[in-house]
Amino acid sequence: MTTDASRIAGLTPATLHKLIKDGRGPRLLDVRTPGEFRTVHIPGAYNVPLDTLREHRAELLAHLDEDVVLVCRSGARAAQAEQALAEAGLPNLRVLDGGMMAWEADGAPVNRGEARWDLERQVRLIAGSVVLVTGVVGLLVPGVHLIGTAIGAGLTFAALSNTCAMGMLLSKLPYNRGPRADIRTVIASLRDRS
């Protein structure tokens, strides 16, 4: 498990951008879904979704013997990926402070694809809609409002545990999947890096 003493400090977008510009850029593993990655990512980043990374971390270790920076939307999934890789024995891990949100806010370069809603926005839409509909229907049908209460409890748990079951379910939809991140393809691209 990564401890405060063993964890290397995060990396600011400005510092990472300078390292990349100077030709000393570390490996960038973007742990977001393929759909999120396809929408926007840092040039040169490799897409290794968090679930794939967790499942195949032993296979990835042989191809990640240098500094690695983990990237996600805001830093939460990247921190989970850091813990998974650190537990597998990979040193020199860093998380991009603030994730892609901070990278873009800093004006750093990105590769853009087709625009789509990020998972957090989708979760807010679904959760809000369920609460709204069950609240209104609950005026006519007793007990229906409890569905909204359950959604609220789920969101509270998601915040406290830094996980989101609804987000994980939404990430499985075709809209969010994008091209599949096959582990063999990921490893081949990591091997091909000069």
Protein backbone atom coordinates (compact mmCIF):
# COMPACT_ATOMS: atom_id res chain seq x y z
CA MET A 1 0.00 0.00 0.00
CA THR A 2 1.24 3.49 -0.80
CA THR A 3 2.06 5.41 2.35
CA ASP A 4 2.59 9.12 2.75
CA ALA A 5 6.30 8.46 3.23
CA SER A 6 6.67 6.29 0.11
CA ARG A 7 4.46 8.34 -2.19
CA ILE A 8 6.28 10.74 -4.48
CA ALA A 9 4.62 14.12 -4.52
CA GLY A 10 2.17 14.84 -7.30
CA LEU A 11 3.24 16.73 -10.36
CA THR A 12 1.78 20.10 -11.28
CA PRO A 13 0.60 20.69 -14.84
CA ALA A 14 3.23 23.43 -15.30
CA THR A 15 6.06 21.12 -14.19
CA LEU A 16 4.85 18.27 -16.38
CA HIS A 17 4.45 20.57 -19.37
CA LYS A 18 8.03 21.82 -18.91
CA LEU A 19 9.38 18.25 -18.67
CA ILE A 20 7.57 17.31 -21.88
CA LYS A 21 8.78 20.43 -23.71
CA ASP A 22 12.37 19.72 -22.57
CA GLY A 23 12.16 16.16 -23.94
CA ARG A 24 12.31 14.63 -20.44
CA GLY A 25 8.65 13.73 -20.22
CA PRO A 26 7.71 10.68 -18.16
CA ARG A 27 5.35 7.96 -19.33
CA LEU A 28 1.80 9.26 -19.11
CA LEU A 29 -0.86 6.70 -18.30
CA ASP A 30 -4.37 8.09 -18.64
CA VAL A 31 -6.66 5.89 -16.53
CA ARG A 32 -9.96 7.36 -17.72
CA THR A 33 -12.41 5.45 -19.90
CA PRO A 34 -11.59 5.13 -23.61
CA GLY A 35 -14.48 7.49 -24.38
CA GLU A 36 -13.12 10.17 -22.04
CA PHE A 37 -9.61 9.68 -23.44
CA ARG A 38 -10.87 9.97 -26.99
CA THR A 39 -12.60 13.27 -26.17
CA VAL A 40 -9.43 14.93 -24.84
CA HIS A 41 -6.02 13.75 -23.71
CA ILE A 42 -2.44 14.87 -23.28
CA PRO A 43 -0.38 14.25 -26.44
CA GLY A 44 1.74 11.12 -25.98
CA ALA A 45 -0.43 9.66 -23.21
CA TYR A 46 -1.35 5.99 -23.18
CA ASN A 47 -4.93 5.04 -22.34
CA VAL A 48 -5.02 2.31 -19.69
CA PRO A 49 -8.46 2.47 -18.04
CA LEU A 50 -8.40 1.98 -14.28
CA ASP A 51 -10.16 -1.40 -14.44
CA THR A 52 -7.72 -2.66 -17.08
CA LEU A 53 -4.76 -1.33 -15.10
CA ARG A 54 -5.91 -3.07 -11.92
CA GLU A 55 -6.54 -6.36 -13.72
CA HIS A 56 -3.27 -6.37 -15.70
CA ARG A 57 -0.88 -4.46 -13.43
CA ALA A 58 1.56 -7.38 -13.24
CA GLU A 59 1.80 -7.46 -17.06
CA LEU A 60 2.26 -3.68 -17.18
CA LEU A 61 5.14 -3.69 -14.66
CA ALA A 62 7.62 -5.06 -17.18
CA HIS A 63 6.94 -2.11 -19.47
CA LEU A 64 6.89 0.69 -16.90
CA ASP A 65 10.44 0.76 -15.55
CA GLU A 66 10.77 4.53 -15.70
CA ASP A 67 8.97 7.51 -14.21
CA VAL A 68 5.22 7.24 -14.64
CA VAL A 69 2.62 9.98 -14.29
CA LEU A 70 -0.97 8.89 -13.84
CA VAL A 71 -3.73 11.07 -15.26
CA CYS A 72 -7.51 11.13 -14.91
CA ARG A 73 -10.17 13.82 -14.90
CA SER A 74 -9.44 15.30 -11.45
CA GLY A 75 -6.92 13.02 -9.76
CA ALA A 76 -9.12 10.55 -7.85
CA ARG A 77 -8.89 7.60 -10.27
CA ALA A 78 -5.21 8.32 -10.84
CA ALA A 79 -4.63 8.05 -7.07
CA GLN A 80 -6.39 4.66 -7.11
CA ALA A 81 -4.19 3.57 -10.02
CA GLU A 82 -1.12 4.78 -8.14
CA GLN A 83 -2.05 2.62 -5.16
CA ALA A 84 -2.66 -0.43 -7.38
CA LEU A 85 0.70 -0.08 -9.18
CA ALA A 86 2.59 0.71 -5.96
CA GLU A 87 1.14 -2.43 -4.34
CA ALA A 88 2.42 -4.37 -7.37
CA GLY A 89 5.92 -2.95 -6.75
CA LEU A 90 6.27 -0.12 -9.27
CA PRO A 91 8.33 2.82 -7.99
CA ASN A 92 8.50 6.39 -9.35
CA LEU A 93 4.76 6.96 -9.58
CA ARG A 94 3.23 10.40 -9.66
CA VAL A 95 -0.29 11.71 -10.09
CA LEU A 96 -0.96 14.79 -12.20
CA ASP A 97 -2.26 17.31 -9.65
CA GLY A 98 -5.82 18.25 -10.60
CA GLY A 99 -5.85 15.84 -13.57
CA MET A 100 -7.04 16.87 -17.01
CA MET A 101 -9.15 19.68 -15.54
CA ALA A 102 -6.01 21.39 -14.19
CA TRP A 103 -3.99 20.53 -17.33
CA GLU A 104 -6.55 22.23 -19.57
CA ALA A 105 -7.01 25.15 -17.16
CA ASP A 106 -3.23 25.69 -17.35
CA GLY A 107 -3.51 26.03 -21.14
CA ALA A 108 -1.30 23.01 -21.79
CA PRO A 109 -1.62 21.23 -25.16
CA VAL A 110 -4.24 18.54 -25.69
CA ASN A 111 -5.44 16.28 -28.46
CA ARG A 112 -9.19 16.67 -28.93
CA GLY A 113 -11.69 14.28 -30.40
CA GLU A 114 -15.47 14.28 -30.53
CA ALA A 115 -16.96 16.21 -27.60
CA ARG A 116 -19.03 14.23 -25.12
CA TRP A 117 -20.21 14.65 -21.55
CA ASP A 118 -17.79 13.45 -18.90
CA LEU A 119 -18.92 10.79 -16.42
CA GLU A 120 -19.35 13.19 -13.52
CA ARG A 121 -21.78 15.31 -15.53
CA GLN A 122 -23.69 12.19 -16.60
CA VAL A 123 -23.95 11.05 -12.97
CA ARG A 124 -25.30 14.47 -11.94
CA LEU A 125 -27.89 14.31 -14.76
CA ILE A 126 -29.08 10.79 -13.92
CA ALA A 127 -29.07 11.26 -10.13
CA GLY A 128 -30.77 14.64 -10.34
CA SER A 129 -33.39 13.37 -12.77
CA VAL A 130 -34.21 10.35 -10.61
CA VAL A 131 -34.52 12.51 -7.49
CA LEU A 132 -36.68 15.07 -9.33
CA VAL A 133 -38.99 12.49 -10.92
CA THR A 134 -39.39 10.39 -7.77
CA GLY A 135 -40.03 13.54 -5.73
CA VAL A 136 -42.82 14.66 -8.06
CA VAL A 137 -44.30 11.17 -8.49
CA GLY A 138 -44.00 10.70 -4.71
CA LEU A 139 -46.65 13.41 -4.29
CA LEU A 140 -49.12 11.05 -5.98
CA VAL A 141 -47.71 7.63 -5.11
CA PRO A 142 -46.67 7.14 -1.50
CA GLY A 143 -43.21 5.69 -0.97
CA VAL A 144 -41.76 6.50 -4.40
CA HIS A 145 -39.76 9.34 -2.88
CA LEU A 146 -37.65 6.68 -1.11
CA ILE A 147 -35.95 5.95 -4.45
CA GLY A 148 -34.59 9.51 -4.42
CA THR A 149 -33.52 8.98 -0.81
CA ALA A 150 -31.61 5.85 -1.87
CA ILE A 151 -29.89 7.81 -4.66
CA GLY A 152 -28.91 10.47 -2.11
CA ALA A 153 -27.49 7.79 0.19
CA GLY A 154 -25.54 6.32 -2.74
CA LEU A 155 -24.08 9.72 -3.62
CA THR A 156 -23.10 10.31 0.01
CA PHE A 157 -21.37 6.92 0.09
CA ALA A 158 -19.67 7.72 -3.24
CA ALA A 159 -18.26 10.94 -1.79
CA LEU A 160 -17.08 9.29 1.43
CA SER A 161 -15.51 6.27 -0.28
CA ASN A 162 -14.24 8.18 -3.34
CA THR A 163 -15.96 5.63 -5.59
CA CYS A 164 -19.09 5.89 -7.68
CA ALA A 165 -21.16 2.85 -8.60
CA MET A 166 -23.35 4.92 -10.91
CA GLY A 167 -20.26 6.26 -12.69
CA MET A 168 -18.88 2.74 -13.06
CA LEU A 169 -22.19 1.58 -14.55
CA LEU A 170 -22.37 4.57 -16.90
CA SER A 171 -18.79 3.92 -18.05
CA LYS A 172 -19.99 0.57 -19.45
CA LEU A 173 -22.46 2.22 -21.85
CA PRO A 174 -21.42 2.26 -25.54
CA TYR A 175 -21.43 6.08 -25.46
CA ASN A 176 -18.65 6.04 -22.87
CA ARG A 177 -16.64 3.05 -23.98
CA GLY A 178 -15.12 4.29 -27.19
CA PRO A 179 -12.51 2.01 -28.71
CA ARG A 180 -11.64 -0.86 -26.39
CA ALA A 181 -8.34 -0.54 -24.53
CA ASP A 182 -6.99 -4.02 -25.19
CA ILE A 183 -4.05 -4.86 -22.89
CA ARG A 184 -2.00 -6.36 -25.75
CA THR A 185 -2.39 -3.16 -27.76
CA VAL A 186 -1.44 -1.05 -24.73
CA ILE A 187 1.67 -3.15 -24.05
CA ALA A 188 2.68 -3.07 -27.72
CA SER A 189 2.43 0.72 -27.77
CA LEU A 190 4.42 0.97 -24.53
CA ARG A 191 7.12 -1.26 -26.10
CA ASP A 192 7.22 0.82 -29.29
CA ARG A 193 8.01 4.07 -27.48
CA SER A 194 11.45 5.26 -28.46
